[in-house]
């Protein structure tokens, strides 16, 4: 059990639910909140993240990308704690359970009356599972072609925030695009950090992440740009929603992000990026929680 918990990579889970929190509590702000939808959406998202972590462990393990040159924590297959066959079975089981919870979520949200919405979200659910698997699995894994950032932005940002809100409201509020983009960019920042840390081993293993494609120096510039744009997006959102002075307190969550950027600017050794993953992930979660709170005061 200890090895499966490690393979689930618990430190990635707060980041995965950040968009669900923002979308759900924006619905609460409009009087549309439902605890059943919220709970099932959280469980579905956690299932997808754990599935992605298992698939990542499996894909990088069987391709030899996880080797002695890798800087991050040792993976389950890499260490031999979980066999390839066991991980494959774990992936199948997690996929099935996550899909079942997603189906229940869709039924609770749309019932029998909204067939088209039900069909749309079933497709989105299946697409999310496939995306979780295809990051490193297979010969056409998008994580090996520099597309990981795009998928993280779409699924952790736009789909997570807008999709969760739609479950309650049955419609979209386009001003919510701003926090959706912010969460997506912050999440992409976490992936970029991970790839900056692993640039050398990824380059040797032909894992052509965006960092490998553009180089570490440009990746650091890209990191600054996407995090600063995330700050601007939430400031514009706050202005458009007419936040009071007290509501701007959610910006406290950006203090660790700014301190993080200051440290990143001075780092030269890829090993220094590893602890920053936790910092940025938890900061994104904190920002999402604070924004959700001030929306409802």
Protein backbone atom coordinates (compact mmCIF):
# COMPACT_ATOMS: atom_id res chain seq x y z
CA UNK A 1 0.00 0.00 0.00
CA UNK A 2 2.87 2.36 0.81
CA UNK A 3 4.28 1.97 -2.70
CA UNK A 4 0.90 2.59 -4.33
CA UNK A 5 0.45 5.76 -2.25
CA UNK A 6 3.89 6.91 -3.36
CA UNK A 7 3.04 6.11 -6.99
CA UNK A 8 -0.14 8.21 -6.64
CA UNK A 9 2.15 11.19 -5.88
CA UNK A 10 0.01 12.90 -3.27
CA UNK A 11 1.78 16.23 -3.68
CA UNK A 12 0.19 16.60 -7.13
CA UNK A 13 -3.38 16.21 -5.88
CA UNK A 14 -4.07 19.72 -4.45
CA UNK A 15 -3.15 21.23 -7.82
CA UNK A 16 -5.54 18.92 -9.66
CA UNK A 17 -8.62 20.07 -7.71
CA UNK A 18 -7.83 23.81 -7.83
CA UNK A 19 -9.95 24.40 -10.93
CA UNK A 20 -12.87 22.40 -9.52
CA UNK A 21 -12.81 24.56 -6.39
CA UNK A 22 -12.88 27.81 -8.38
CA UNK A 23 -15.67 26.69 -10.72
CA UNK A 24 -17.76 25.24 -7.90
CA UNK A 25 -17.51 28.20 -5.56
CA UNK A 26 -18.24 30.60 -8.40
CA UNK A 27 -21.47 28.60 -8.74
CA UNK A 28 -22.00 29.04 -4.99
CA UNK A 29 -21.52 32.79 -5.51
CA UNK A 30 -24.50 32.60 -7.88
CA UNK A 31 -26.59 30.42 -5.56
CA UNK A 32 -26.21 27.27 -7.69
CA UNK A 33 -24.01 25.10 -5.47
CA UNK A 34 -24.74 21.41 -4.84
CA UNK A 35 -22.57 19.40 -2.42
CA UNK A 36 -23.25 16.17 -4.32
CA UNK A 37 -21.87 17.61 -7.55
CA UNK A 38 -18.91 19.14 -5.74
CA UNK A 39 -17.98 15.90 -3.95
CA UNK A 40 -18.25 13.75 -7.07
CA UNK A 41 -16.35 16.29 -9.18
CA UNK A 42 -13.51 16.29 -6.64
CA UNK A 43 -13.38 12.48 -6.55
CA UNK A 44 -13.46 12.28 -10.36
CA UNK A 45 -10.62 14.78 -10.68
CA UNK A 46 -8.52 13.03 -8.05
CA UNK A 47 -9.11 9.76 -9.90
CA UNK A 48 -7.93 11.32 -13.17
CA UNK A 49 -4.82 12.76 -11.54
CA UNK A 50 -3.90 9.48 -9.86
CA UNK A 51 -4.54 7.69 -13.16
CA UNK A 52 -2.24 10.15 -14.92
CA UNK A 53 0.46 9.58 -12.29
CA UNK A 54 0.21 5.80 -12.64
CA UNK A 55 0.30 6.06 -16.45
CA UNK A 56 3.27 8.43 -16.26
CA UNK A 57 5.12 5.98 -14.02
CA UNK A 58 4.29 3.13 -16.42
CA UNK A 59 5.06 5.00 -19.65
CA UNK A 60 8.37 6.51 -18.53
CA UNK A 61 9.29 3.23 -16.81
CA UNK A 62 8.86 0.94 -19.80
CA UNK A 63 10.51 3.47 -22.15
CA UNK A 64 13.53 3.80 -19.88
CA UNK A 65 13.04 7.52 -19.36
CA UNK A 66 13.10 6.98 -15.59
CA UNK A 67 16.73 6.05 -15.01
CA UNK A 68 19.67 6.87 -12.75
CA UNK A 69 20.15 10.28 -14.42
CA UNK A 70 16.70 11.50 -13.37
CA UNK A 71 16.74 14.07 -10.55
CA UNK A 72 13.21 13.74 -9.14
CA UNK A 73 11.86 11.14 -6.69
CA UNK A 74 12.40 7.52 -7.76
CA UNK A 75 9.31 6.08 -9.47
CA UNK A 76 7.62 2.80 -8.53
CA UNK A 77 8.50 0.82 -11.68
CA UNK A 78 11.97 2.35 -11.79
CA UNK A 79 12.67 1.14 -8.24
CA UNK A 80 11.02 -2.25 -8.75
CA UNK A 81 8.52 -1.61 -5.92
CA UNK A 82 5.65 -2.20 -8.35
CA UNK A 83 5.98 -4.45 -11.39
CA UNK A 84 4.97 -3.43 -14.91
CA UNK A 85 2.06 -5.91 -14.83
CA UNK A 86 0.86 -4.66 -11.44
CA UNK A 87 0.97 -1.04 -12.61
CA UNK A 88 -0.94 -1.96 -15.76
CA UNK A 89 -3.64 -3.59 -13.64
CA UNK A 90 -3.68 -0.53 -11.38
CA UNK A 91 -4.21 1.71 -14.41
CA UNK A 92 -7.12 -0.41 -15.65
CA UNK A 93 -8.78 -0.46 -12.21
CA UNK A 94 -8.31 3.29 -11.67
CA UNK A 95 -9.69 4.03 -15.15
CA UNK A 96 -12.80 1.96 -14.49
CA UNK A 97 -13.49 3.44 -11.05
CA UNK A 98 -12.92 7.00 -12.27
CA UNK A 99 -15.28 6.47 -15.20
CA UNK A 100 -18.00 5.08 -12.92
CA UNK A 101 -17.74 8.09 -10.59
CA UNK A 102 -17.81 10.42 -13.61
CA UNK A 103 -20.99 8.75 -14.90
CA UNK A 104 -22.63 9.19 -11.49
CA UNK A 105 -21.54 12.84 -11.45
CA UNK A 106 -23.07 13.42 -14.88
CA UNK A 107 -26.32 11.71 -13.88
CA UNK A 108 -26.62 13.74 -10.65
CA UNK A 109 -25.98 16.96 -12.56
CA UNK A 110 -28.10 16.48 -15.67
CA UNK A 111 -30.53 13.66 -14.83
CA UNK A 112 -32.59 12.28 -17.70
CA UNK A 113 -33.80 15.63 -18.97
CA UNK A 114 -30.59 16.94 -20.56
CA UNK A 115 -29.53 14.17 -22.93
CA UNK A 116 -27.26 16.35 -25.07
CA UNK A 117 -25.40 17.68 -22.02
CA UNK A 118 -25.10 14.12 -20.70
CA UNK A 119 -23.68 12.95 -24.02
CA UNK A 120 -21.27 15.91 -24.20
CA UNK A 121 -19.90 15.30 -20.71
CA UNK A 122 -19.60 11.57 -21.29
CA UNK A 123 -17.39 12.39 -24.28
CA UNK A 124 -15.42 14.87 -22.17
CA UNK A 125 -15.04 12.26 -19.44
CA UNK A 126 -13.71 9.65 -21.84
CA UNK A 127 -11.44 12.26 -23.44
CA UNK A 128 -10.06 13.18 -20.00
CA UNK A 129 -9.25 9.54 -19.24
CA UNK A 130 -7.54 9.11 -22.63
CA UNK A 131 -5.58 12.33 -22.07
CA UNK A 132 -4.48 11.12 -18.63
CA UNK A 133 -3.19 7.91 -20.22
CA UNK A 134 -1.62 9.33 -23.37
CA UNK A 135 0.77 11.79 -21.69
CA UNK A 136 3.52 9.15 -21.70
CA UNK A 137 1.84 5.95 -22.93
CA UNK A 138 2.19 4.70 -26.48
CA UNK A 139 4.29 5.71 -29.46
CA UNK A 140 2.27 8.91 -29.95
CA UNK A 141 2.46 10.11 -26.31
CA UNK A 142 1.93 13.87 -26.39
CA UNK A 143 4.26 14.43 -23.42
CA UNK A 144 7.11 13.26 -25.66
CA UNK A 145 6.19 15.78 -28.37
CA UNK A 146 6.19 18.99 -26.34
CA UNK A 147 2.40 19.20 -26.01
CA UNK A 148 2.10 18.57 -22.27
CA UNK A 149 1.73 22.26 -21.44
CA UNK A 150 -1.16 22.67 -23.87
CA UNK A 151 -3.06 19.71 -22.43
CA UNK A 152 -2.44 20.82 -18.83
CA UNK A 153 -3.75 24.30 -19.66
CA UNK A 154 -6.86 22.87 -21.32
CA UNK A 155 -7.72 20.17 -18.77
CA UNK A 156 -6.49 21.71 -15.49
CA UNK A 157 -7.63 25.19 -16.45
CA UNK A 158 -10.41 25.61 -19.00
CA UNK A 159 -12.17 22.26 -18.65
CA UNK A 160 -11.75 22.06 -14.89
CA UNK A 161 -13.09 25.54 -14.10
CA UNK A 162 -15.64 26.03 -16.89
CA UNK A 163 -16.71 22.38 -16.93
CA UNK A 164 -17.31 22.20 -13.18
CA UNK A 165 -19.30 25.46 -13.27
CA UNK A 166 -21.42 24.11 -16.16
CA UNK A 167 -22.37 21.07 -14.06
CA UNK A 168 -24.21 23.43 -11.71
CA UNK A 169 -25.40 26.22 -14.01
CA UNK A 170 -26.07 24.34 -17.29
CA UNK A 171 -24.59 27.35 -19.05
CA UNK A 172 -21.29 29.24 -19.29
CA UNK A 173 -20.31 32.57 -17.77
CA UNK A 174 -17.54 33.84 -20.01
CA UNK A 175 -15.97 36.08 -17.36
CA UNK A 176 -14.96 32.80 -15.73
CA UNK A 177 -12.50 32.35 -18.61
CA UNK A 178 -10.11 34.64 -16.75
CA UNK A 179 -9.67 32.51 -13.59
CA UNK A 180 -9.82 29.38 -15.78
CA UNK A 181 -6.86 30.68 -17.78
CA UNK A 182 -5.06 31.68 -14.57
CA UNK A 183 -5.41 28.21 -13.03
CA UNK A 184 -4.38 26.64 -16.33
CA UNK A 185 -1.27 28.80 -16.61
CA UNK A 186 -0.24 28.16 -13.01
CA UNK A 187 -0.70 24.42 -13.59
CA UNK A 188 1.36 24.63 -16.78
CA UNK A 189 4.00 26.36 -14.67
CA UNK A 190 4.20 23.30 -12.41
CA UNK A 191 4.71 21.02 -15.43
CA UNK A 192 7.30 23.40 -16.85
CA UNK A 193 9.22 23.30 -13.56
CA UNK A 194 9.13 19.50 -13.65
CA UNK A 195 10.47 19.51 -17.20
CA UNK A 196 13.14 22.10 -16.38
CA UNK A 197 14.33 19.82 -13.60
CA UNK A 198 14.41 16.78 -15.91
CA UNK A 199 15.74 18.52 -19.03
CA UNK A 200 19.04 16.63 -19.23
CA UNK A 201 17.60 13.15 -18.64
CA UNK A 202 14.64 13.87 -20.95
CA UNK A 203 16.98 15.02 -23.71
CA UNK A 204 19.01 11.81 -23.45
CA UNK A 205 15.81 9.70 -23.45
CA UNK A 206 14.33 11.53 -26.47
CA UNK A 207 11.45 12.86 -24.39
CA UNK A 208 10.96 16.08 -26.32
CA UNK A 209 9.17 18.24 -23.77
CA UNK A 210 8.71 21.93 -24.46
CA UNK A 211 11.78 22.61 -22.30
CA UNK A 212 13.88 20.24 -24.42
CA UNK A 213 12.60 21.93 -27.57
CA UNK A 214 13.25 25.54 -26.51
CA UNK A 215 16.13 25.09 -24.06
CA UNK A 216 16.42 25.76 -20.32
CA UNK A 217 17.09 29.51 -20.65
CA UNK A 218 14.00 30.13 -22.77
CA UNK A 219 11.97 27.81 -20.53
CA UNK A 220 12.81 30.03 -17.55
CA UNK A 221 11.60 33.11 -19.47
CA UNK A 222 8.44 31.22 -20.47
CA UNK A 223 7.93 30.31 -16.80
CA UNK A 224 8.00 33.96 -15.76
CA UNK A 225 5.62 34.99 -18.55
CA UNK A 226 2.88 32.44 -17.85
CA UNK A 227 2.88 33.07 -14.08
CA UNK A 228 2.76 36.85 -14.50
CA UNK A 229 -0.06 36.54 -17.06
CA UNK A 230 -1.93 34.39 -14.50
CA UNK A 231 -1.66 37.23 -11.96
CA UNK A 232 -2.90 39.76 -14.52
CA UNK A 233 -5.84 37.53 -15.52
CA UNK A 234 -7.07 37.31 -11.92
CA UNK A 235 -6.61 41.05 -11.39
CA UNK A 236 -8.75 41.74 -14.47
CA UNK A 237 -11.35 39.24 -13.21
CA UNK A 238 -11.46 40.96 -9.80
CA UNK A 239 -11.89 44.36 -11.48
CA UNK A 240 -14.64 43.11 -13.78
CA UNK A 241 -16.50 41.57 -10.83
CA UNK A 242 -16.24 44.81 -8.86
CA UNK A 243 -14.30 43.35 -5.92
CA UNK A 244 -14.23 45.37 -2.74
CA UNK A 245 -10.88 46.16 -1.10
CA UNK A 246 -11.29 43.24 1.32
CA UNK A 247 -11.92 40.81 -1.53
CA UNK A 248 -8.52 41.65 -3.03
CA UNK A 249 -7.00 39.80 -0.09
CA UNK A 250 -6.92 36.71 -2.31
CA UNK A 251 -3.76 38.27 -3.81
CA UNK A 252 -1.95 37.16 -0.64
CA UNK A 253 -1.77 33.78 -2.34
CA UNK A 254 0.55 35.25 -4.97
CA UNK A 255 3.22 36.22 -2.42
CA UNK A 256 4.78 32.72 -2.41
CA UNK A 257 4.53 32.71 -6.23
CA UNK A 258 6.51 35.96 -6.49
CA UNK A 259 9.09 34.69 -4.00
CA UNK A 260 9.24 31.50 -6.05
CA UNK A 261 10.01 33.52 -9.20
CA UNK A 262 12.74 35.41 -7.37
CA UNK A 263 14.42 32.12 -6.43
CA UNK A 264 13.97 30.62 -9.90
CA UNK A 265 15.75 33.63 -11.42
CA UNK A 266 18.87 32.79 -9.39
CA UNK A 267 18.84 28.99 -9.75
CA UNK A 268 21.46 27.38 -11.97
CA UNK A 269 21.34 23.74 -10.83
CA UNK A 270 18.34 21.69 -12.07
CA UNK A 271 18.18 19.95 -8.66
CA UNK A 272 17.09 23.27 -7.14
CA UNK A 273 13.83 23.17 -9.10
CA UNK A 274 12.50 20.05 -7.36
CA UNK A 275 11.30 21.62 -4.06
CA UNK A 276 9.77 24.49 -6.05
CA UNK A 277 7.25 22.05 -7.56
CA UNK A 278 5.55 21.70 -4.18
CA UNK A 279 5.71 25.45 -3.59
CA UNK A 280 3.98 26.34 -6.87
CA UNK A 281 1.46 23.51 -6.63
CA UNK A 282 0.35 24.46 -3.10
CA UNK A 283 0.39 28.17 -4.01
CA UNK A 284 -2.01 27.49 -6.88
CA UNK A 285 -4.28 25.59 -4.50
CA UNK A 286 -4.08 28.44 -1.95
CA UNK A 287 -4.95 31.06 -4.58
CA UNK A 288 -7.94 28.99 -5.71
CA UNK A 289 -9.22 28.59 -2.13
CA UNK A 290 -8.74 32.28 -1.29
CA UNK A 291 -10.46 33.39 -4.50
CA UNK A 292 -13.36 31.04 -3.77
CA UNK A 293 -13.69 32.46 -0.26
CA UNK A 294 -13.69 36.13 -1.25
CA UNK A 295 -16.24 35.44 -3.99
CA UNK A 296 -18.70 34.43 -1.29
CA UNK A 297 -18.13 37.08 1.39
